[in-house]
Amino acid sequence: MLRTLVTTAAAVLFSLSMATAQEGDIADMMQGSFDAKVEIIEYASYTCPHCASFHAGPYKDLKKDYVDTGKVKFVFREVYFDRFGLWASMIARCAGPDRFFGMTDLLFKEQSLWSRAGDPAAIVAELRKIGLKGGMDEAQLNACLEDADNAQALVAWYQENAERDNVRSTPSFLINGEPYSNMNYADFSAIIKEKLAE
């Protein structure tokens, strides 16, 4: 089964043929108030160390001060620079919208463990452990990781988003549609306060 997953996902991710994702096929994962005055969209890869650092630091303060208070709508969009990030995303999404951000926290917290586990089968085995720790069961994980159609749709969705928003590195951010690179919490806070005052 692991060999099938590795072969299928690799073919999906590195296929030369581009699939087209229809609008609405893949849902944005969101926190905060839908009608907030400020929208932050983060583009991140689960295998990106800088993304893990952002989620361990600035993100926690942003969530506490702005997202949880309804001032900011926070949207997380995955970037797939490699097949391992795609697999992690599939697990986070299969956990469901209510558990997506908790699973994302686990994936970033344990990134150095699973992303450097060795060969693809070892990485899948570590990702499965995280899925189980996050409340998924074996049947859920099997169905999720073997869903080639979902993998293809996710890759097409990522390609469409990255092309439209000119995403070249992670983490990258759009704040009310304006592009920003990674920054510390103080700089994020200053920008948000400015946008809230407009």
C-alpha atoms as a PDB file:
ATOM      1  CA  MET A   1       0.000   0.000   0.000  1.00  0.00           C
ATOM      2  CA  LEU A   2       2.801   2.444   0.850  1.00  0.00           C
ATOM      3  CA  ARG A   3       4.472   1.714  -2.477  1.00  0.00           C
ATOM      4  CA  THR A   4       1.182   2.369  -4.300  1.00  0.00           C
ATOM      5  CA  LEU A   5       0.761   5.685  -2.494  1.00  0.00           C
ATOM      6  CA  VAL A   6       4.324   6.759  -3.223  1.00  0.00           C
ATOM      7  CA  THR A   7       4.006   5.887  -6.917  1.00  0.00           C
ATOM      8  CA  THR A   8       0.546   7.412  -7.334  1.00  0.00           C
ATOM      9  CA  ALA A   9       1.302  10.658  -5.514  1.00  0.00           C
ATOM     10  CA  ALA A  10       4.619  11.109  -7.280  1.00  0.00           C
ATOM     11  CA  ALA A  11       2.938  10.669 -10.648  1.00  0.00           C
ATOM     12  CA  VAL A  12       0.194  13.110  -9.692  1.00  0.00           C
ATOM     13  CA  LEU A  13       2.543  15.789  -8.395  1.00  0.00           C
ATOM     14  CA  PHE A  14       5.114  15.617 -11.149  1.00  0.00           C
ATOM     15  CA  SER A  15       2.791  14.874 -14.044  1.00  0.00           C
ATOM     16  CA  LEU A  16       3.406  17.007 -17.102  1.00  0.00           C
ATOM     17  CA  SER A  17      -0.326  17.243 -17.781  1.00  0.00           C
ATOM     18  CA  MET A  18      -2.051  20.011 -15.875  1.00  0.00           C
ATOM     19  CA  ALA A  19      -5.459  19.294 -14.402  1.00  0.00           C
ATOM     20  CA  THR A  20      -7.965  22.068 -14.073  1.00  0.00           C
ATOM     21  CA  ALA A  21      -9.628  22.584 -10.721  1.00  0.00           C
ATOM     22  CA  GLN A  22     -13.126  23.924 -11.004  1.00  0.00           C
ATOM     23  CA  GLU A  23     -13.929  26.902  -8.764  1.00  0.00           C
ATOM     24  CA  GLY A  24     -15.111  25.633  -5.409  1.00  0.00           C
ATOM     25  CA  ASP A  25     -13.664  22.097  -5.711  1.00  0.00           C
ATOM     26  CA  ILE A  26     -11.144  22.712  -2.937  1.00  0.00           C
ATOM     27  CA  ALA A  27     -12.250  24.742   0.064  1.00  0.00           C
ATOM     28  CA  ASP A  28     -10.089  27.435   1.622  1.00  0.00           C
ATOM     29  CA  MET A  29      -9.302  26.656   5.253  1.00  0.00           C
ATOM     30  CA  MET A  30     -10.205  29.699   7.324  1.00  0.00           C
ATOM     31  CA  GLN A  31     -10.123  30.994  10.879  1.00  0.00           C
ATOM     32  CA  GLY A  32     -11.704  34.126  12.322  1.00  0.00           C
ATOM     33  CA  SER A  33     -14.656  36.172  11.207  1.00  0.00           C
ATOM     34  CA  PHE A  34     -15.726  35.748   7.591  1.00  0.00           C
ATOM     35  CA  ASP A  35     -16.646  39.454   7.489  1.00  0.00           C
ATOM     36  CA  ALA A  36     -13.455  40.777   9.142  1.00  0.00           C
ATOM     37  CA  LYS A  37     -12.092  44.027   7.757  1.00  0.00           C
ATOM     38  CA  VAL A  38      -8.645  42.498   7.272  1.00  0.00           C
ATOM     39  CA  GLU A  39      -7.977  39.270   5.399  1.00  0.00           C
ATOM     40  CA  ILE A  40      -4.617  37.515   5.626  1.00  0.00           C
ATOM     41  CA  ILE A  41      -3.951  34.682   3.206  1.00  0.00           C
ATOM     42  CA  GLU A  42      -0.892  32.604   4.020  1.00  0.00           C
ATOM     43  CA  TYR A  43       0.740  30.462   1.351  1.00  0.00           C
ATOM     44  CA  ALA A  44       2.772  27.774   3.091  1.00  0.00           C
ATOM     45  CA  SER A  45       4.378  24.403   2.491  1.00  0.00           C
ATOM     46  CA  TYR A  46       4.304  21.768   5.200  1.00  0.00           C
ATOM     47  CA  THR A  47       7.947  20.980   4.374  1.00  0.00           C
ATOM     48  CA  CYS A  48       9.121  24.608   4.670  1.00  0.00           C
ATOM     49  CA  PRO A  49      11.157  25.288   7.866  1.00  0.00           C
ATOM     50  CA  HIS A  50      10.374  29.026   7.714  1.00  0.00           C
ATOM     51  CA  CYS A  51       6.654  28.179   7.652  1.00  0.00           C
ATOM     52  CA  ALA A  52       7.084  25.985  10.730  1.00  0.00           C
ATOM     53  CA  SER A  53       8.882  28.872  12.468  1.00  0.00           C
ATOM     54  CA  PHE A  54       6.086  31.273  11.531  1.00  0.00           C
ATOM     55  CA  HIS A  55       3.473  28.932  12.997  1.00  0.00           C
ATOM     56  CA  ALA A  56       5.493  28.433  16.168  1.00  0.00           C
ATOM     57  CA  GLY A  57       5.901  32.196  16.648  1.00  0.00           C
ATOM     58  CA  PRO A  58       4.116  35.111  14.917  1.00  0.00           C
ATOM     59  CA  TYR A  59       1.050  33.062  13.958  1.00  0.00           C
ATOM     60  CA  LYS A  60       0.215  32.302  17.594  1.00  0.00           C
ATOM     61  CA  ASP A  61       0.221  36.013  18.476  1.00  0.00           C
ATOM     62  CA  LEU A  62      -1.736  36.948  15.335  1.00  0.00           C
ATOM     63  CA  LYS A  63      -4.344  34.348  16.180  1.00  0.00           C
ATOM     64  CA  LYS A  64      -4.693  35.471  19.787  1.00  0.00           C
ATOM     65  CA  ASP A  65      -4.739  39.220  19.121  1.00  0.00           C
ATOM     66  CA  TYR A  66      -6.514  39.497  15.788  1.00  0.00           C
ATOM     67  CA  VAL A  67      -8.057  36.241  14.519  1.00  0.00           C
ATOM     68  CA  ASP A  68      -9.738  35.093  17.735  1.00  0.00           C
ATOM     69  CA  THR A  69     -11.028  38.631  18.352  1.00  0.00           C
ATOM     70  CA  GLY A  70     -12.747  38.764  14.950  1.00  0.00           C
ATOM     71  CA  LYS A  71     -10.548  41.513  13.514  1.00  0.00           C
ATOM     72  CA  VAL A  72      -8.797  39.284  10.960  1.00  0.00           C
ATOM     73  CA  LYS A  73      -9.950  36.529   8.645  1.00  0.00           C
ATOM     74  CA  PHE A  74      -7.012  34.123   8.281  1.00  0.00           C
ATOM     75  CA  VAL A  75      -6.866  31.810   5.259  1.00  0.00           C
ATOM     76  CA  PHE A  76      -4.303  29.015   4.895  1.00  0.00           C
ATOM     77  CA  ARG A  77      -3.425  27.841   1.379  1.00  0.00           C
ATOM     78  CA  GLU A  78      -1.031  24.989   0.815  1.00  0.00           C
ATOM     79  CA  VAL A  79       1.933  25.117  -1.549  1.00  0.00           C
ATOM     80  CA  TYR A  80       3.325  21.879  -2.968  1.00  0.00           C
ATOM     81  CA  PHE A  81       7.024  22.128  -3.716  1.00  0.00           C
ATOM     82  CA  ASP A  82       7.368  18.369  -3.200  1.00  0.00           C
ATOM     83  CA  ARG A  83       5.254  15.250  -2.824  1.00  0.00           C
ATOM     84  CA  PHE A  84       5.791  15.080   0.931  1.00  0.00           C
ATOM     85  CA  GLY A  85       4.076  18.436   1.426  1.00  0.00           C
ATOM     86  CA  LEU A  86       1.183  17.163  -0.695  1.00  0.00           C
ATOM     87  CA  TRP A  87       0.821  14.067   1.476  1.00  0.00           C
ATOM     88  CA  ALA A  88       0.850  16.172   4.653  1.00  0.00           C
ATOM     89  CA  SER A  89      -1.822  18.429   3.159  1.00  0.00           C
ATOM     90  CA  MET A  90      -4.002  15.455   2.245  1.00  0.00           C
ATOM     91  CA  ILE A  91      -3.888  14.250   5.847  1.00  0.00           C
ATOM     92  CA  ALA A  92      -4.626  17.701   7.291  1.00  0.00           C
ATOM     93  CA  ARG A  93      -7.609  18.135   4.961  1.00  0.00           C
ATOM     94  CA  CYS A  94      -8.948  14.622   5.575  1.00  0.00           C
ATOM     95  CA  ALA A  95      -9.021  15.421   9.291  1.00  0.00           C
ATOM     96  CA  GLY A  96     -11.862  17.817   8.410  1.00  0.00           C
ATOM     97  CA  PRO A  97     -12.347  21.607   8.688  1.00  0.00           C
ATOM     98  CA  ASP A  98     -12.769  21.493  12.472  1.00  0.00           C
ATOM     99  CA  ARG A  99      -9.467  19.699  12.990  1.00  0.00           C
ATOM    100  CA  PHE A 100      -7.499  21.118  10.041  1.00  0.00           C
ATOM    101  CA  PHE A 101      -5.622  23.802  11.979  1.00  0.00           C
ATOM    102  CA  GLY A 102      -4.900  21.475  14.890  1.00  0.00           C
ATOM    103  CA  MET A 103      -3.472  18.941  12.443  1.00  0.00           C
ATOM    104  CA  THR A 104      -1.510  21.719  10.747  1.00  0.00           C
ATOM    105  CA  ASP A 105       0.000  22.678  14.110  1.00  0.00           C
ATOM    106  CA  LEU A 106       1.039  19.039  14.673  1.00  0.00           C
ATOM    107  CA  LEU A 107       2.552  18.745  11.188  1.00  0.00           C
ATOM    108  CA  PHE A 108       4.617  21.897  11.652  1.00  0.00           C
ATOM    109  CA  LYS A 109       5.605  21.025  15.231  1.00  0.00           C
ATOM    110  CA  GLU A 110       6.872  17.601  14.148  1.00  0.00           C
ATOM    111  CA  GLN A 111       8.132  18.684  10.714  1.00  0.00           C
ATOM    112  CA  SER A 112      11.790  17.864  11.361  1.00  0.00           C
ATOM    113  CA  LEU A 113      10.808  14.343  12.441  1.00  0.00           C
ATOM    114  CA  TRP A 114       8.538  13.287   9.582  1.00  0.00           C
ATOM    115  CA  SER A 115      10.076  15.268   6.705  1.00  0.00           C
ATOM    116  CA  ARG A 116      13.531  13.808   7.376  1.00  0.00           C
ATOM    117  CA  ALA A 117      12.416  10.267   8.170  1.00  0.00           C
ATOM    118  CA  GLY A 118      14.251   8.833   5.164  1.00  0.00           C
ATOM    119  CA  ASP A 119      12.732   7.228   2.099  1.00  0.00           C
ATOM    120  CA  PRO A 120       9.162   7.988   0.991  1.00  0.00           C
ATOM    121  CA  ALA A 121       7.716   4.941   2.780  1.00  0.00           C
ATOM    122  CA  ALA A 122       9.292   6.071   6.066  1.00  0.00           C
ATOM    123  CA  ILE A 123       7.884   9.575   5.603  1.00  0.00           C
ATOM    124  CA  VAL A 124       4.395   8.173   4.961  1.00  0.00           C
ATOM    125  CA  ALA A 125       4.706   6.029   8.089  1.00  0.00           C
ATOM    126  CA  GLU A 126       5.555   9.116  10.188  1.00  0.00           C
ATOM    127  CA  LEU A 127       2.704  11.108   8.618  1.00  0.00           C
ATOM    128  CA  ARG A 128       0.317   8.280   9.476  1.00  0.00           C
ATOM    129  CA  LYS A 129       1.455   8.487  13.118  1.00  0.00           C
ATOM    130  CA  ILE A 130       0.631  12.199  13.134  1.00  0.00           C
ATOM    131  CA  GLY A 131      -2.777  11.477  11.606  1.00  0.00           C
ATOM    132  CA  LEU A 132      -3.520   8.935  14.334  1.00  0.00           C
ATOM    133  CA  LYS A 133      -2.302  11.349  17.006  1.00  0.00           C
ATOM    134  CA  GLY A 134      -4.631  13.993  15.531  1.00  0.00           C
ATOM    135  CA  GLY A 135      -7.687  11.774  15.937  1.00  0.00           C
ATOM    136  CA  MET A 136      -7.923  10.006  12.578  1.00  0.00           C
ATOM    137  CA  ASP A 137      -8.316   6.240  12.326  1.00  0.00           C
ATOM    138  CA  GLU A 138      -6.579   3.740  10.041  1.00  0.00           C
ATOM    139  CA  ALA A 139      -9.501   3.467   7.632  1.00  0.00           C
ATOM    140  CA  GLN A 140      -9.665   7.262   7.275  1.00  0.00           C
ATOM    141  CA  LEU A 141      -5.930   7.499   6.666  1.00  0.00           C
ATOM    142  CA  ASN A 142      -5.970   4.716   4.077  1.00  0.00           C
ATOM    143  CA  ALA A 143      -8.859   6.267   2.149  1.00  0.00           C
ATOM    144  CA  CYS A 144      -7.264   9.705   2.349  1.00  0.00           C
ATOM    145  CA  LEU A 145      -3.765   8.769   1.231  1.00  0.00           C
ATOM    146  CA  GLU A 146      -4.983   6.573  -1.625  1.00  0.00           C
ATOM    147  CA  ASP A 147      -7.303   9.223  -3.102  1.00  0.00           C
ATOM    148  CA  ALA A 148      -5.475  10.038  -6.345  1.00  0.00           C
ATOM    149  CA  ASP A 149      -8.354  12.219  -7.624  1.00  0.00           C
ATOM    150  CA  ASN A 150      -8.134  14.427  -4.556  1.00  0.00           C
ATOM    151  CA  ALA A 151      -4.351  14.652  -4.905  1.00  0.00           C
ATOM    152  CA  GLN A 152      -4.721  15.745  -8.536  1.00  0.00           C
ATOM    153  CA  ALA A 153      -7.362  18.333  -7.619  1.00  0.00           C
ATOM    154  CA  LEU A 154      -5.154  19.728  -4.830  1.00  0.00           C
ATOM    155  CA  VAL A 155      -2.161  20.075  -7.164  1.00  0.00           C
ATOM    156  CA  ALA A 156      -4.277  21.845  -9.797  1.00  0.00           C
ATOM    157  CA  TRP A 157      -5.748  24.148  -7.114  1.00  0.00           C
ATOM    158  CA  TYR A 158      -2.266  25.007  -5.847  1.00  0.00           C
ATOM    159  CA  GLN A 159      -0.993  25.718  -9.376  1.00  0.00           C
ATOM    160  CA  GLU A 160      -3.948  27.974 -10.093  1.00  0.00           C
ATOM    161  CA  ASN A 161      -3.519  29.905  -6.819  1.00  0.00           C
ATOM    162  CA  ALA A 162       0.257  30.223  -7.158  1.00  0.00           C
ATOM    163  CA  GLU A 163       0.035  31.505 -10.722  1.00  0.00           C
ATOM    164  CA  ARG A 164      -2.742  33.992  -9.943  1.00  0.00           C
ATOM    165  CA  ASP A 165      -1.072  35.369  -6.797  1.00  0.00           C
ATOM    166  CA  ASN A 166       2.529  35.059  -8.047  1.00  0.00           C
ATOM    167  CA  VAL A 167       3.642  32.800  -5.201  1.00  0.00           C
ATOM    168  CA  ARG A 168       7.334  31.960  -5.541  1.00  0.00           C
ATOM    169  CA  SER A 169       8.387  31.251  -1.950  1.00  0.00           C
ATOM    170  CA  THR A 170       6.932  30.288   1.410  1.00  0.00           C
ATOM    171  CA  PRO A 171       5.630  31.589   3.597  1.00  0.00           C
ATOM    172  CA  SER A 172       4.083  34.333   1.460  1.00  0.00           C
ATOM    173  CA  PHE A 173       1.140  36.475   2.487  1.00  0.00           C
ATOM    174  CA  LEU A 174      -1.626  38.542   0.956  1.00  0.00           C
ATOM    175  CA  ILE A 175      -3.031  41.146   3.334  1.00  0.00           C
ATOM    176  CA  ASN A 176      -6.210  42.578   1.840  1.00  0.00           C
ATOM    177  CA  GLY A 177      -4.861  41.519  -1.539  1.00  0.00           C
ATOM    178  CA  GLU A 178      -1.405  43.079  -1.174  1.00  0.00           C
ATOM    179  CA  PRO A 179       1.613  40.740  -1.273  1.00  0.00           C
ATOM    180  CA  TYR A 180       4.044  40.506   1.652  1.00  0.00           C
ATOM    181  CA  SER A 181       6.946  38.233   2.483  1.00  0.00           C
ATOM    182  CA  ASN A 182       7.569  36.648   5.860  1.00  0.00           C
ATOM    183  CA  MET A 183       7.939  39.087   8.763  1.00  0.00           C
ATOM    184  CA  ASN A 184       7.925  39.283  12.534  1.00  0.00           C
ATOM    185  CA  TYR A 185       4.823  39.785  14.635  1.00  0.00           C
ATOM    186  CA  ALA A 186       5.466  43.495  15.269  1.00  0.00           C
ATOM    187  CA  ASP A 187       5.499  44.214  11.531  1.00  0.00           C
ATOM    188  CA  PHE A 188       2.348  42.142  10.969  1.00  0.00           C
ATOM    189  CA  SER A 189       0.618  43.981  13.787  1.00  0.00           C
ATOM    190  CA  ALA A 190       1.584  47.398  12.402  1.00  0.00           C
ATOM    191  CA  ILE A 191       0.182  46.508   8.968  1.00  0.00           C
ATOM    192  CA  ILE A 192      -3.031  45.123  10.448  1.00  0.00           C
ATOM    193  CA  LYS A 193      -3.567  48.223  12.604  1.00  0.00           C
ATOM    194  CA  GLU A 194      -3.071  50.391   9.527  1.00  0.00           C
ATOM    195  CA  LYS A 195      -5.608  48.337   7.551  1.00  0.00           C
ATOM    196  CA  LEU A 196      -8.117  48.420  10.426  1.00  0.00           C
ATOM    197  CA  ALA A 197      -7.858  52.212  10.576  1.00  0.00           C
ATOM    198  CA  GLU A 198      -8.588  52.675   6.846  1.00  0.00           C
END
